[in-house]
């Protein structure tokens, strides 16, 4: 979305080291493909992808999800009755220090495979 791009560019502007690294990666791929990027060549931009994911973590385009339970749902320590409305606060989940050390810091490497492997599946939505 436009806002995702805006926040990504803002965060890169505020973080010169990340900006330099992302620019170098994009330049290398652009040179490799003579400036002709396609879906295949875009997959060769893992650092830029991590920057975008980190931007979406810090500034989710939808801060809250609303869901409805048609059936009763048993959680570990609670029973959610059928016909309940549930609010999921992505902004808070994405900044929960239990899943994200230094949650307010822009760190694209949070999304390195080895750092994501043991993270709860729904810590990042």
PDB file of N, CA and C in Angstrom:
ATOM      1  N   UNK A   1       0.831  -1.188   0.000  1.00  0.00           N
ATOM      2  CA  UNK A   1       0.000   0.000   0.000  1.00  0.00           C
ATOM      3  C   UNK A   1       0.873   1.248   0.000  1.00  0.00           C
ATOM      4  N   UNK A   2       0.259   2.371  -0.270  1.00  0.00           N
ATOM      5  CA  UNK A   2       0.990   3.629  -0.271  1.00  0.00           C
ATOM      6  C   UNK A   2       1.552   3.975   1.096  1.00  0.00           C
ATOM      7  N   UNK A   3       0.782   3.709   2.142  1.00  0.00           N
ATOM      8  CA  UNK A   3       1.265   4.023   3.492  1.00  0.00           C
ATOM      9  C   UNK A   3       2.430   3.121   3.886  1.00  0.00           C
ATOM     10  N   UNK A   4       2.392   1.872   3.476  1.00  0.00           N
ATOM     11  CA  UNK A   4       3.509   0.966   3.775  1.00  0.00           C
ATOM     12  C   UNK A   4       4.786   1.492   3.136  1.00  0.00           C
ATOM     13  N   UNK A   5       4.685   1.956   1.889  1.00  0.00           N
ATOM     14  CA  UNK A   5       5.851   2.502   1.209  1.00  0.00           C
ATOM     15  C   UNK A   5       6.324   3.777   1.903  1.00  0.00           C
ATOM     16  N   UNK A   6       5.382   4.618   2.305  1.00  0.00           N
ATOM     17  CA  UNK A   6       5.728   5.864   2.982  1.00  0.00           C
ATOM     18  C   UNK A   6       6.478   5.588   4.277  1.00  0.00           C
ATOM     19  N   UNK A   7       5.967   4.673   5.103  1.00  0.00           N
ATOM     20  CA  UNK A   7       6.634   4.364   6.369  1.00  0.00           C
ATOM     21  C   UNK A   7       7.981   3.682   6.138  1.00  0.00           C
ATOM     22  N   UNK A   8       8.074   2.825   5.132  1.00  0.00           N
ATOM     23  CA  UNK A   8       9.355   2.178   4.835  1.00  0.00           C
ATOM     24  C   UNK A   8      10.388   3.227   4.446  1.00  0.00           C
ATOM     25  N   UNK A   9      10.019   4.144   3.573  1.00  0.00           N
ATOM     26  CA  UNK A   9      10.950   5.197   3.155  1.00  0.00           C
ATOM     27  C   UNK A   9      11.317   6.102   4.324  1.00  0.00           C
ATOM     28  N   UNK A  10      10.354   6.414   5.193  1.00  0.00           N
ATOM     29  CA  UNK A  10      10.638   7.236   6.363  1.00  0.00           C
ATOM     30  C   UNK A  10      11.660   6.549   7.266  1.00  0.00           C
ATOM     31  N   UNK A  11      11.435   5.256   7.530  1.00  0.00           N
ATOM     32  CA  UNK A  11      12.345   4.519   8.410  1.00  0.00           C
ATOM     33  C   UNK A  11      13.730   4.383   7.790  1.00  0.00           C
ATOM     34  N   UNK A  12      13.796   4.182   6.486  1.00  0.00           N
ATOM     35  CA  UNK A  12      15.103   4.120   5.820  1.00  0.00           C
ATOM     36  C   UNK A  12      15.795   5.482   5.872  1.00  0.00           C
ATOM     37  N   UNK A  13      15.039   6.568   5.742  1.00  0.00           N
ATOM     38  CA  UNK A  13      15.621   7.911   5.830  1.00  0.00           C
ATOM     39  C   UNK A  13      16.169   8.177   7.229  1.00  0.00           C
ATOM     40  N   UNK A  14      15.511   7.636   8.241  1.00  0.00           N
ATOM     41  CA  UNK A  14      15.949   7.830   9.630  1.00  0.00           C
ATOM     42  C   UNK A  14      17.089   6.895  10.017  1.00  0.00           C
ATOM     43  N   UNK A  15      17.303   5.843   9.249  1.00  0.00           N
ATOM     44  CA  UNK A  15      18.311   4.828   9.581  1.00  0.00           C
ATOM     45  C   UNK A  15      19.266   4.687   8.407  1.00  0.00           C
ATOM     46  N   UNK A  16      20.296   5.533   8.406  1.00  0.00           N
ATOM     47  CA  UNK A  16      21.209   5.628   7.261  1.00  0.00           C
ATOM     48  C   UNK A  16      21.921   4.310   6.959  1.00  0.00           C
ATOM     49  N   UNK A  17      22.272   3.557   7.984  1.00  0.00           N
ATOM     50  CA  UNK A  17      22.956   2.281   7.748  1.00  0.00           C
ATOM     51  C   UNK A  17      22.043   1.317   6.988  1.00  0.00           C
ATOM     52  N   UNK A  18      20.793   1.236   7.399  1.00  0.00           N
ATOM     53  CA  UNK A  18      19.829   0.377   6.706  1.00  0.00           C
ATOM     54  C   UNK A  18      19.590   0.893   5.291  1.00  0.00           C
ATOM     55  N   UNK A  19      19.511   2.214   5.144  1.00  0.00           N
ATOM     56  CA  UNK A  19      19.301   2.808   3.821  1.00  0.00           C
ATOM     57  C   UNK A  19      20.459   2.455   2.883  1.00  0.00           C
ATOM     58  N   UNK A  20      21.681   2.571   3.378  1.00  0.00           N
ATOM     59  CA  UNK A  20      22.858   2.262   2.565  1.00  0.00           C
ATOM     60  C   UNK A  20      22.857   0.799   2.151  1.00  0.00           C
ATOM     61  N   UNK A  21      22.535  -0.064   3.083  1.00  0.00           N
ATOM     62  CA  UNK A  21      22.509  -1.504   2.803  1.00  0.00           C
ATOM     63  C   UNK A  21      21.414  -1.850   1.784  1.00  0.00           C
ATOM     64  N   UNK A  22      20.234  -1.273   1.947  1.00  0.00           N
ATOM     65  CA  UNK A  22      19.129  -1.527   1.020  1.00  0.00           C
ATOM     66  C   UNK A  22      19.458  -0.979  -0.368  1.00  0.00           C
ATOM     67  N   UNK A  23      20.032   0.218  -0.413  1.00  0.00           N
ATOM     68  CA  UNK A  23      20.388   0.823  -1.701  1.00  0.00           C
ATOM     69  C   UNK A  23      21.420  -0.035  -2.426  1.00  0.00           C
ATOM     70  N   UNK A  24      22.419  -0.520  -1.706  1.00  0.00           N
ATOM     71  CA  UNK A  24      23.454  -1.358  -2.328  1.00  0.00           C
ATOM     72  C   UNK A  24      22.845  -2.641  -2.890  1.00  0.00           C
ATOM     73  N   UNK A  25      21.934  -3.242  -2.147  1.00  0.00           N
ATOM     74  CA  UNK A  25      21.285  -4.469  -2.606  1.00  0.00           C
ATOM     75  C   UNK A  25      20.469  -4.206  -3.875  1.00  0.00           C
ATOM     76  N   UNK A  26      19.693  -3.131  -3.875  1.00  0.00           N
ATOM     77  CA  UNK A  26      18.868  -2.788  -5.042  1.00  0.00           C
ATOM     78  C   UNK A  26      19.760  -2.469  -6.242  1.00  0.00           C
ATOM     79  N   UNK A  27      20.821  -1.703  -6.021  1.00  0.00           N
ATOM     80  CA  UNK A  27      21.743  -1.351  -7.110  1.00  0.00           C
ATOM     81  C   UNK A  27      22.353  -2.597  -7.727  1.00  0.00           C
ATOM     82  N   UNK A  28      22.781  -3.529  -6.889  1.00  0.00           N
ATOM     83  CA  UNK A  28      23.388  -4.770  -7.379  1.00  0.00           C
ATOM     84  C   UNK A  28      22.401  -5.562  -8.242  1.00  0.00           C
ATOM     85  N   UNK A  29      21.173  -5.689  -7.792  1.00  0.00           N
ATOM     86  CA  UNK A  29      20.170  -6.447  -8.549  1.00  0.00           C
ATOM     87  C   UNK A  29      19.795  -5.703  -9.833  1.00  0.00           C
ATOM     88  N   UNK A  30      19.681  -4.384  -9.754  1.00  0.00           N
ATOM     89  CA  UNK A  30      19.369  -3.597 -10.955  1.00  0.00           C
ATOM     90  C   UNK A  30      20.467  -3.769 -12.008  1.00  0.00           C
ATOM     91  N   UNK A  31      21.723  -3.738 -11.573  1.00  0.00           N
ATOM     92  CA  UNK A  31      22.839  -3.913 -12.513  1.00  0.00           C
ATOM     93  C   UNK A  31      22.826  -5.313 -13.108  1.00  0.00           C
ATOM     94  N   UNK A  32      22.559  -6.301 -12.283  1.00  0.00           N
ATOM     95  CA  UNK A  32      22.539  -7.692 -12.749  1.00  0.00           C
ATOM     96  C   UNK A  32      21.510  -7.898 -13.853  1.00  0.00           C
ATOM     97  N   UNK A  33      20.368  -7.218 -13.734  1.00  0.00           N
ATOM     98  CA  UNK A  33      19.276  -7.401 -14.695  1.00  0.00           C
ATOM     99  C   UNK A  33      19.118  -6.208 -15.640  1.00  0.00           C
ATOM    100  N   UNK A  34      20.170  -5.391 -15.755  1.00  0.00           N
ATOM    101  CA  UNK A  34      20.147  -4.221 -16.645  1.00  0.00           C
ATOM    102  C   UNK A  34      18.915  -3.340 -16.418  1.00  0.00           C
ATOM    103  N   UNK A  35      18.512  -3.216 -15.183  1.00  0.00           N
ATOM    104  CA  UNK A  35      17.389  -2.356 -14.834  1.00  0.00           C
ATOM    105  C   UNK A  35      16.022  -2.940 -15.114  1.00  0.00           C
ATOM    106  N   UNK A  36      15.980  -4.177 -15.591  1.00  0.00           N
ATOM    107  CA  UNK A  36      14.707  -4.827 -15.913  1.00  0.00           C
ATOM    108  C   UNK A  36      14.310  -5.774 -14.787  1.00  0.00           C
ATOM    109  N   UNK A  37      13.583  -5.256 -13.821  1.00  0.00           N
ATOM    110  CA  UNK A  37      13.175  -6.079 -12.691  1.00  0.00           C
ATOM    111  C   UNK A  37      11.858  -6.782 -12.985  1.00  0.00           C
ATOM    112  N   UNK A  38      11.747  -7.988 -12.465  1.00  0.00           N
ATOM    113  CA  UNK A  38      10.503  -8.754 -12.575  1.00  0.00           C
ATOM    114  C   UNK A  38      10.302  -9.494 -11.259  1.00  0.00           C
ATOM    115  N   UNK A  39       9.266 -10.292 -11.168  1.00  0.00           N
ATOM    116  CA  UNK A  39       8.983 -10.972  -9.894  1.00  0.00           C
ATOM    117  C   UNK A  39      10.120 -11.902  -9.489  1.00  0.00           C
ATOM    118  N   UNK A  40      10.813 -12.463 -10.438  1.00  0.00           N
ATOM    119  CA  UNK A  40      11.933 -13.351 -10.128  1.00  0.00           C
ATOM    120  C   UNK A  40      13.111 -12.559  -9.547  1.00  0.00           C
ATOM    121  N   UNK A  41      13.462 -11.457 -10.182  1.00  0.00           N
ATOM    122  CA  UNK A  41      14.599 -10.665  -9.704  1.00  0.00           C
ATOM    123  C   UNK A  41      14.295  -9.995  -8.365  1.00  0.00           C
ATOM    124  N   UNK A  42      13.039  -9.670  -8.120  1.00  0.00           N
ATOM    125  CA  UNK A  42      12.681  -9.049  -6.843  1.00  0.00           C
ATOM    126  C   UNK A  42      12.926  -9.992  -5.671  1.00  0.00           C
ATOM    127  N   UNK A  43      12.931 -11.279  -5.930  1.00  0.00           N
ATOM    128  CA  UNK A  43      13.194 -12.247  -4.861  1.00  0.00           C
ATOM    129  C   UNK A  43      14.660 -12.232  -4.435  1.00  0.00           C
ATOM    130  N   UNK A  44      15.481 -11.500  -5.158  1.00  0.00           N
ATOM    131  CA  UNK A  44      16.893 -11.371  -4.810  1.00  0.00           C
ATOM    132  C   UNK A  44      17.148 -10.126  -3.962  1.00  0.00           C
ATOM    133  N   UNK A  45      16.108  -9.623  -3.330  1.00  0.00           N
ATOM    134  CA  UNK A  45      16.207  -8.443  -2.467  1.00  0.00           C
ATOM    135  C   UNK A  45      15.780  -8.784  -1.037  1.00  0.00           C
ATOM    136  N   UNK A  46      16.460  -9.732  -0.390  1.00  0.00           N
ATOM    137  CA  UNK A  46      16.014 -10.155   0.945  1.00  0.00           C
ATOM    138  C   UNK A  46      16.131  -9.064   2.008  1.00  0.00           C
ATOM    139  N   UNK A  47      17.152  -8.211   1.907  1.00  0.00           N
ATOM    140  CA  UNK A  47      17.275  -7.160   2.917  1.00  0.00           C
ATOM    141  C   UNK A  47      16.141  -6.146   2.773  1.00  0.00           C
ATOM    142  N   UNK A  48      15.842  -5.758   1.544  1.00  0.00           N
ATOM    143  CA  UNK A  48      14.737  -4.825   1.321  1.00  0.00           C
ATOM    144  C   UNK A  48      13.420  -5.428   1.805  1.00  0.00           C
ATOM    145  N   UNK A  49      13.230  -6.717   1.575  1.00  0.00           N
ATOM    146  CA  UNK A  49      12.019  -7.388   2.073  1.00  0.00           C
ATOM    147  C   UNK A  49      11.947  -7.311   3.595  1.00  0.00           C
ATOM    148  N   UNK A  50      13.084  -7.511   4.263  1.00  0.00           N
ATOM    149  CA  UNK A  50      13.099  -7.418   5.729  1.00  0.00           C
ATOM    150  C   UNK A  50      12.789  -5.992   6.191  1.00  0.00           C
ATOM    151  N   UNK A  51      13.273  -5.000   5.442  1.00  0.00           N
ATOM    152  CA  UNK A  51      12.969  -3.600   5.780  1.00  0.00           C
ATOM    153  C   UNK A  51      11.472  -3.339   5.675  1.00  0.00           C
ATOM    154  N   UNK A  52      10.852  -3.864   4.637  1.00  0.00           N
ATOM    155  CA  UNK A  52       9.410  -3.675   4.455  1.00  0.00           C
ATOM    156  C   UNK A  52       8.639  -4.379   5.567  1.00  0.00           C
ATOM    157  N   UNK A  53       9.035  -5.604   5.899  1.00  0.00           N
ATOM    158  CA  UNK A  53       8.355  -6.332   6.983  1.00  0.00           C
ATOM    159  C   UNK A  53       8.495  -5.596   8.312  1.00  0.00           C
ATOM    160  N   UNK A  54       9.685  -5.066   8.580  1.00  0.00           N
ATOM    161  CA  UNK A  54       9.900  -4.347   9.833  1.00  0.00           C
ATOM    162  C   UNK A  54       9.071  -3.063   9.858  1.00  0.00           C
ATOM    163  N   UNK A  55       8.954  -2.408   8.727  1.00  0.00           N
ATOM    164  CA  UNK A  55       8.107  -1.223   8.630  1.00  0.00           C
ATOM    165  C   UNK A  55       6.648  -1.580   8.908  1.00  0.00           C
ATOM    166  N   UNK A  56       6.186  -2.689   8.334  1.00  0.00           N
ATOM    167  CA  UNK A  56       4.804  -3.128   8.563  1.00  0.00           C
ATOM    168  C   UNK A  56       4.591  -3.578  10.006  1.00  0.00           C
ATOM    169  N   UNK A  57       5.636  -4.089  10.641  1.00  0.00           N
ATOM    170  CA  UNK A  57       5.522  -4.456  12.056  1.00  0.00           C
ATOM    171  C   UNK A  57       5.333  -3.204  12.899  1.00  0.00           C
ATOM    172  N   UNK A  58       6.150  -2.192  12.644  1.00  0.00           N
ATOM    173  CA  UNK A  58       6.078  -0.961  13.429  1.00  0.00           C
ATOM    174  C   UNK A  58       4.833  -0.133  13.117  1.00  0.00           C
ATOM    175  N   UNK A  59       4.422  -0.143  11.859  1.00  0.00           N
ATOM    176  CA  UNK A  59       3.282   0.669  11.425  1.00  0.00           C
ATOM    177  C   UNK A  59       2.332  -0.183  10.591  1.00  0.00           C
ATOM    178  N   UNK A  60       1.602  -1.089  11.242  1.00  0.00           N
ATOM    179  CA  UNK A  60       0.693  -1.952  10.477  1.00  0.00           C
ATOM    180  C   UNK A  60      -0.390  -1.121   9.788  1.00  0.00           C
ATOM    181  N   UNK A  61      -0.693  -1.446   8.534  1.00  0.00           N
ATOM    182  CA  UNK A  61      -1.713  -0.675   7.819  1.00  0.00           C
ATOM    183  C   UNK A  61      -3.098  -0.798   8.460  1.00  0.00           C
ATOM    184  N   UNK A  62      -3.326  -1.875   9.164  1.00  0.00           N
ATOM    185  CA  UNK A  62      -4.566  -2.071   9.916  1.00  0.00           C
ATOM    186  C   UNK A  62      -4.144  -2.330  11.361  1.00  0.00           C
ATOM    187  N   UNK A  63      -4.450  -1.411  12.252  1.00  0.00           N
ATOM    188  CA  UNK A  63      -3.989  -1.527  13.635  1.00  0.00           C
ATOM    189  C   UNK A  63      -4.781  -2.547  14.443  1.00  0.00           C
ATOM    190  N   UNK A  64      -6.035  -2.777  14.062  1.00  0.00           N
ATOM    191  CA  UNK A  64      -6.901  -3.685  14.806  1.00  0.00           C
ATOM    192  C   UNK A  64      -7.695  -4.556  13.843  1.00  0.00           C
ATOM    193  N   UNK A  65      -7.738  -5.855  14.139  1.00  0.00           N
ATOM    194  CA  UNK A  65      -8.576  -6.782  13.380  1.00  0.00           C
ATOM    195  C   UNK A  65      -9.785  -7.145  14.232  1.00  0.00           C
ATOM    196  N   UNK A  66     -10.926  -7.227  13.611  1.00  0.00           N
ATOM    197  CA  UNK A  66     -12.145  -7.648  14.301  1.00  0.00           C
ATOM    198  C   UNK A  66     -12.553  -9.006  13.758  1.00  0.00           C
ATOM    199  N   UNK A  67     -12.841  -9.925  14.652  1.00  0.00           N
ATOM    200  CA  UNK A  67     -13.264 -11.268  14.253  1.00  0.00           C
ATOM    201  C   UNK A  67     -14.475 -11.669  15.078  1.00  0.00           C
ATOM    202  N   UNK A  68     -15.189 -12.651  14.570  1.00  0.00           N
ATOM    203  CA  UNK A  68     -16.415 -13.147  15.186  1.00  0.00           C
ATOM    204  C   UNK A  68     -16.288 -14.658  15.329  1.00  0.00           C
ATOM    205  N   UNK A  69     -16.616 -15.180  16.506  1.00  0.00           N
ATOM    206  CA  UNK A  69     -16.574 -16.629  16.703  1.00  0.00           C
ATOM    207  C   UNK A  69     -17.951 -17.219  16.460  1.00  0.00           C
ATOM    208  N   UNK A  70     -18.049 -18.047  15.464  1.00  0.00           N
ATOM    209  CA  UNK A  70     -19.319 -18.729  15.185  1.00  0.00           C
ATOM    210  C   UNK A  70     -19.517 -19.869  16.177  1.00  0.00           C
ATOM    211  N   UNK A  71     -18.417 -20.488  16.579  1.00  0.00           N
ATOM    212  CA  UNK A  71     -18.467 -21.622  17.505  1.00  0.00           C
ATOM    213  C   UNK A  71     -17.727 -21.280  18.790  1.00  0.00           C
ATOM    214  N   UNK A  72     -18.004 -22.021  19.820  1.00  0.00           N
ATOM    215  CA  UNK A  72     -17.286 -21.904  21.078  1.00  0.00           C
ATOM    216  C   UNK A  72     -15.817 -22.258  20.831  1.00  0.00           C
ATOM    217  N   UNK A  73     -14.921 -21.550  21.500  1.00  0.00           N
ATOM    218  CA  UNK A  73     -13.490 -21.772  21.301  1.00  0.00           C
ATOM    219  C   UNK A  73     -12.806 -21.936  22.646  1.00  0.00           C
ATOM    220  N   UNK A  74     -12.175 -23.069  22.868  1.00  0.00           N
ATOM    221  CA  UNK A  74     -11.458 -23.308  24.114  1.00  0.00           C
ATOM    222  C   UNK A  74      -9.993 -22.929  23.914  1.00  0.00           C
ATOM    223  N   UNK A  75      -9.555 -21.926  24.656  1.00  0.00           N
ATOM    224  CA  UNK A  75      -8.144 -21.564  24.680  1.00  0.00           C
ATOM    225  C   UNK A  75      -7.506 -22.261  25.868  1.00  0.00           C
ATOM    226  N   UNK A  76      -6.216 -22.089  26.028  1.00  0.00           N
ATOM    227  CA  UNK A  76      -5.514 -22.763  27.118  1.00  0.00           C
ATOM    228  C   UNK A  76      -6.166 -22.494  28.476  1.00  0.00           C
ATOM    229  N   UNK A  77      -6.425 -21.229  28.777  1.00  0.00           N
ATOM    230  CA  UNK A  77      -6.955 -20.866  30.097  1.00  0.00           C
ATOM    231  C   UNK A  77      -8.283 -20.125  30.045  1.00  0.00           C
ATOM    232  N   UNK A  78      -8.955 -20.175  28.927  1.00  0.00           N
ATOM    233  CA  UNK A  78     -10.215 -19.431  28.816  1.00  0.00           C
ATOM    234  C   UNK A  78     -11.123 -20.066  27.775  1.00  0.00           C
ATOM    235  N   UNK A  79     -12.397 -19.856  27.979  1.00  0.00           N
ATOM    236  CA  UNK A  79     -13.400 -20.316  27.020  1.00  0.00           C
ATOM    237  C   UNK A  79     -14.019 -19.083  26.367  1.00  0.00           C
ATOM    238  N   UNK A  80     -13.950 -19.031  25.049  1.00  0.00           N
ATOM    239  CA  UNK A  80     -14.567 -17.934  24.302  1.00  0.00           C
ATOM    240  C   UNK A  80     -15.905 -18.453  23.793  1.00  0.00           C
ATOM    241  N   UNK A  81     -17.001 -17.867  24.250  1.00  0.00           N
ATOM    242  CA  UNK A  81     -18.322 -18.359  23.840  1.00  0.00           C
ATOM    243  C   UNK A  81     -18.573 -18.145  22.342  1.00  0.00           C
ATOM    244  N   UNK A  82     -19.444 -18.954  21.804  1.00  0.00           N
ATOM    245  CA  UNK A  82     -19.891 -18.743  20.425  1.00  0.00           C
ATOM    246  C   UNK A  82     -20.549 -17.370  20.332  1.00  0.00           C
ATOM    247  N   UNK A  83     -20.578 -16.824  19.155  1.00  0.00           N
ATOM    248  CA  UNK A  83     -21.191 -15.515  18.897  1.00  0.00           C
ATOM    249  C   UNK A  83     -20.481 -14.375  19.629  1.00  0.00           C
ATOM    250  N   UNK A  84     -19.169 -14.510  19.820  1.00  0.00           N
ATOM    251  CA  UNK A  84     -18.393 -13.448  20.466  1.00  0.00           C
ATOM    252  C   UNK A  84     -17.672 -12.608  19.413  1.00  0.00           C
ATOM    253  N   UNK A  85     -17.480 -11.351  19.740  1.00  0.00           N
ATOM    254  CA  UNK A  85     -16.676 -10.458  18.902  1.00  0.00           C
ATOM    255  C   UNK A  85     -15.293 -10.364  19.537  1.00  0.00           C
ATOM    256  N   UNK A  86     -14.267 -10.512  18.728  1.00  0.00           N
ATOM    257  CA  UNK A  86     -12.890 -10.497  19.221  1.00  0.00           C
ATOM    258  C   UNK A  86     -12.131  -9.386  18.512  1.00  0.00           C
ATOM    259  N   UNK A  87     -11.365  -8.623  19.286  1.00  0.00           N
ATOM    260  CA  UNK A  87     -10.505  -7.579  18.719  1.00  0.00           C
ATOM    261  C   UNK A  87      -9.058  -8.014  18.885  1.00  0.00           C
ATOM    262  N   UNK A  88      -8.315  -7.942  17.808  1.00  0.00           N
ATOM    263  CA  UNK A  88      -6.889  -8.277  17.830  1.00  0.00           C
ATOM    264  C   UNK A  88      -6.133  -6.991  17.522  1.00  0.00           C
ATOM    265  N   UNK A  89      -5.373  -6.514  18.485  1.00  0.00           N
ATOM    266  CA  UNK A  89      -4.644  -5.256  18.334  1.00  0.00           C
ATOM    267  C   UNK A  89      -3.255  -5.537  17.762  1.00  0.00           C
ATOM    268  N   UNK A  90      -3.130  -5.439  16.443  1.00  0.00           N
ATOM    269  CA  UNK A  90      -1.853  -5.724  15.793  1.00  0.00           C
ATOM    270  C   UNK A  90      -0.765  -4.757  16.236  1.00  0.00           C
ATOM    271  N   UNK A  91      -1.115  -3.507  16.409  1.00  0.00           N
ATOM    272  CA  UNK A  91      -0.126  -2.519  16.830  1.00  0.00           C
ATOM    273  C   UNK A  91       0.535  -2.967  18.133  1.00  0.00           C
ATOM    274  N   UNK A  92      -0.273  -3.411  19.090  1.00  0.00           N
ATOM    275  CA  UNK A  92       0.270  -3.858  20.376  1.00  0.00           C
ATOM    276  C   UNK A  92       0.997  -5.191  20.246  1.00  0.00           C
ATOM    277  N   UNK A  93       0.441  -6.106  19.475  1.00  0.00           N
ATOM    278  CA  UNK A  93       1.082  -7.409  19.283  1.00  0.00           C
ATOM    279  C   UNK A  93       2.448  -7.238  18.636  1.00  0.00           C
ATOM    280  N   UNK A  94       2.533  -6.351  17.656  1.00  0.00           N
ATOM    281  CA  UNK A  94       3.789  -6.130  16.938  1.00  0.00           C
ATOM    282  C   UNK A  94       4.826  -5.388  17.771  1.00  0.00           C
ATOM    283  N   UNK A  95       4.419  -4.879  18.917  1.00  0.00           N
ATOM    284  CA  UNK A  95       5.355  -4.172  19.798  1.00  0.00           C
ATOM    285  C   UNK A  95       5.452  -4.840  21.173  1.00  0.00           C
ATOM    286  N   UNK A  96       5.040  -6.074  21.251  1.00  0.00           N
ATOM    287  CA  UNK A  96       5.078  -6.824  22.509  1.00  0.00           C
ATOM    288  C   UNK A  96       6.516  -7.279  22.775  1.00  0.00           C
ATOM    289  N   UNK A  97       7.094  -6.792  23.867  1.00  0.00           N
ATOM    290  CA  UNK A  97       8.488  -7.106  24.198  1.00  0.00           C
ATOM    291  C   UNK A  97       8.709  -8.591  24.472  1.00  0.00           C
ATOM    292  N   UNK A  98       7.649  -9.344  24.708  1.00  0.00           N
ATOM    293  CA  UNK A  98       7.799 -10.793  24.879  1.00  0.00           C
ATOM    294  C   UNK A  98       8.230 -11.469  23.579  1.00  0.00           C
ATOM    295  N   UNK A  99       7.907 -10.845  22.452  1.00  0.00           N
ATOM    296  CA  UNK A  99       8.247 -11.418  21.147  1.00  0.00           C
ATOM    297  C   UNK A  99       9.290 -10.596  20.401  1.00  0.00           C
ATOM    298  N   UNK A 100       9.388  -9.322  20.739  1.00  0.00           N
ATOM    299  CA  UNK A 100      10.238  -8.390  20.001  1.00  0.00           C
ATOM    300  C   UNK A 100      11.151  -7.639  20.968  1.00  0.00           C
ATOM    301  N   UNK A 101      12.395  -8.061  21.129  1.00  0.00           N
ATOM    302  CA  UNK A 101      13.319  -7.283  21.968  1.00  0.00           C
ATOM    303  C   UNK A 101      13.459  -5.862  21.403  1.00  0.00           C
ATOM    304  N   UNK A 102      13.506  -4.870  22.268  1.00  0.00           N
ATOM    305  CA  UNK A 102      13.567  -3.468  21.837  1.00  0.00           C
ATOM    306  C   UNK A 102      12.511  -3.202  20.761  1.00  0.00           C
ATOM    307  N   UNK A 103      11.246  -3.371  21.099  1.00  0.00           N
ATOM    308  CA  UNK A 103      10.180  -3.370  20.095  1.00  0.00           C
ATOM    309  C   UNK A 103       9.990  -2.071  19.326  1.00  0.00           C
ATOM    310  N   UNK A 104      10.459  -0.949  19.858  1.00  0.00           N
ATOM    311  CA  UNK A 104      10.265   0.322  19.165  1.00  0.00           C
ATOM    312  C   UNK A 104      11.437   0.690  18.255  1.00  0.00           C
ATOM    313  N   UNK A 105      12.427  -0.184  18.189  1.00  0.00           N
ATOM    314  CA  UNK A 105      13.615   0.062  17.366  1.00  0.00           C
ATOM    315  C   UNK A 105      13.441  -0.587  15.997  1.00  0.00           C
ATOM    316  N   UNK A 106      13.807   0.144  14.946  1.00  0.00           N
ATOM    317  CA  UNK A 106      13.776  -0.373  13.574  1.00  0.00           C
ATOM    318  C   UNK A 106      14.956  -1.320  13.393  1.00  0.00           C
ATOM    319  N   UNK A 107      14.669  -2.603  13.222  1.00  0.00           N
ATOM    320  CA  UNK A 107      15.709  -3.628  13.073  1.00  0.00           C
ATOM    321  C   UNK A 107      15.260  -4.660  12.040  1.00  0.00           C
ATOM    322  N   UNK A 108      15.561  -4.425  10.756  1.00  0.00           N
ATOM    323  CA  UNK A 108      15.136  -5.359   9.713  1.00  0.00           C
ATOM    324  C   UNK A 108      15.631  -6.789   9.928  1.00  0.00           C
ATOM    325  N   UNK A 109      16.750  -6.939  10.620  1.00  0.00           N
ATOM    326  CA  UNK A 109      17.297  -8.283  10.817  1.00  0.00           C
ATOM    327  C   UNK A 109      16.475  -9.127  11.784  1.00  0.00           C
ATOM    328  N   UNK A 110      15.447  -8.553  12.384  1.00  0.00           N
ATOM    329  CA  UNK A 110      14.503  -9.363  13.174  1.00  0.00           C
ATOM    330  C   UNK A 110      13.889 -10.453  12.299  1.00  0.00           C
ATOM    331  N   UNK A 111      13.836 -10.180  10.991  1.00  0.00           N
ATOM    332  CA  UNK A 111      13.178 -11.095  10.066  1.00  0.00           C
ATOM    333  C   UNK A 111      14.152 -12.021   9.352  1.00  0.00           C
ATOM    334  N   UNK A 112      15.397 -12.085   9.835  1.00  0.00           N
ATOM    335  CA  UNK A 112      16.308 -13.114   9.329  1.00  0.00           C
ATOM    336  C   UNK A 112      15.715 -14.472   9.686  1.00  0.00           C
ATOM    337  N   UNK A 113      15.863 -15.458   8.816  1.00  0.00           N
ATOM    338  CA  UNK A 113      15.267 -16.779   9.095  1.00  0.00           C
ATOM    339  C   UNK A 113      15.648 -17.340  10.464  1.00  0.00           C
ATOM    340  N   UNK A 114      16.904 -17.197  10.839  1.00  0.00           N
ATOM    341  CA  UNK A 114      17.333 -17.763  12.122  1.00  0.00           C
ATOM    342  C   UNK A 114      16.749 -17.012  13.316  1.00  0.00           C
ATOM    343  N   UNK A 115      16.381 -15.755  13.144  1.00  0.00           N
ATOM    344  CA  UNK A 115      15.775 -14.999  14.243  1.00  0.00           C
ATOM    345  C   UNK A 115      14.259 -15.131  14.250  1.00  0.00           C
ATOM    346  N   UNK A 116      13.683 -15.584  13.158  1.00  0.00           N
ATOM    347  CA  UNK A 116      12.229 -15.745  13.059  1.00  0.00           C
ATOM    348  C   UNK A 116      11.775 -17.160  13.377  1.00  0.00           C
ATOM    349  N   UNK A 117      12.693 -18.106  13.299  1.00  0.00           N
ATOM    350  CA  UNK A 117      12.346 -19.531  13.367  1.00  0.00           C
ATOM    351  C   UNK A 117      11.522 -19.904  14.596  1.00  0.00           C
ATOM    352  N   UNK A 118      11.879 -19.398  15.756  1.00  0.00           N
ATOM    353  CA  UNK A 118      11.196 -19.805  16.985  1.00  0.00           C
ATOM    354  C   UNK A 118      10.172 -18.786  17.480  1.00  0.00           C
ATOM    355  N   UNK A 119       9.928 -17.761  16.696  1.00  0.00           N
ATOM    356  CA  UNK A 119       8.955 -16.742  17.088  1.00  0.00           C
ATOM    357  C   UNK A 119       7.545 -17.303  16.936  1.00  0.00           C
ATOM    358  N   UNK A 120       6.668 -16.922  17.834  1.00  0.00           N
ATOM    359  CA  UNK A 120       5.275 -17.368  17.765  1.00  0.00           C
ATOM    360  C   UNK A 120       4.701 -17.029  16.393  1.00  0.00           C
ATOM    361  N   UNK A 121       3.960 -17.949  15.826  1.00  0.00           N
ATOM    362  CA  UNK A 121       3.405 -17.803  14.482  1.00  0.00           C
ATOM    363  C   UNK A 121       2.619 -16.511  14.305  1.00  0.00           C
ATOM    364  N   UNK A 122       1.901 -16.083  15.350  1.00  0.00           N
ATOM    365  CA  UNK A 122       1.050 -14.908  15.212  1.00  0.00           C
ATOM    366  C   UNK A 122       1.626 -13.657  15.879  1.00  0.00           C
ATOM    367  N   UNK A 123       2.926 -13.658  16.173  1.00  0.00           N
ATOM    368  CA  UNK A 123       3.547 -12.448  16.708  1.00  0.00           C
ATOM    369  C   UNK A 123       3.625 -11.370  15.635  1.00  0.00           C
ATOM    370  N   UNK A 124       3.633 -11.801  14.372  1.00  0.00           N
ATOM    371  CA  UNK A 124       3.642 -10.873  13.230  1.00  0.00           C
ATOM    372  C   UNK A 124       2.538 -11.293  12.278  1.00  0.00           C
ATOM    373  N   UNK A 125       1.591 -10.394  12.082  1.00  0.00           N
ATOM    374  CA  UNK A 125       0.453 -10.708  11.206  1.00  0.00           C
ATOM    375  C   UNK A 125       0.471  -9.756  10.024  1.00  0.00           C
TER     376      UNK A 125
END
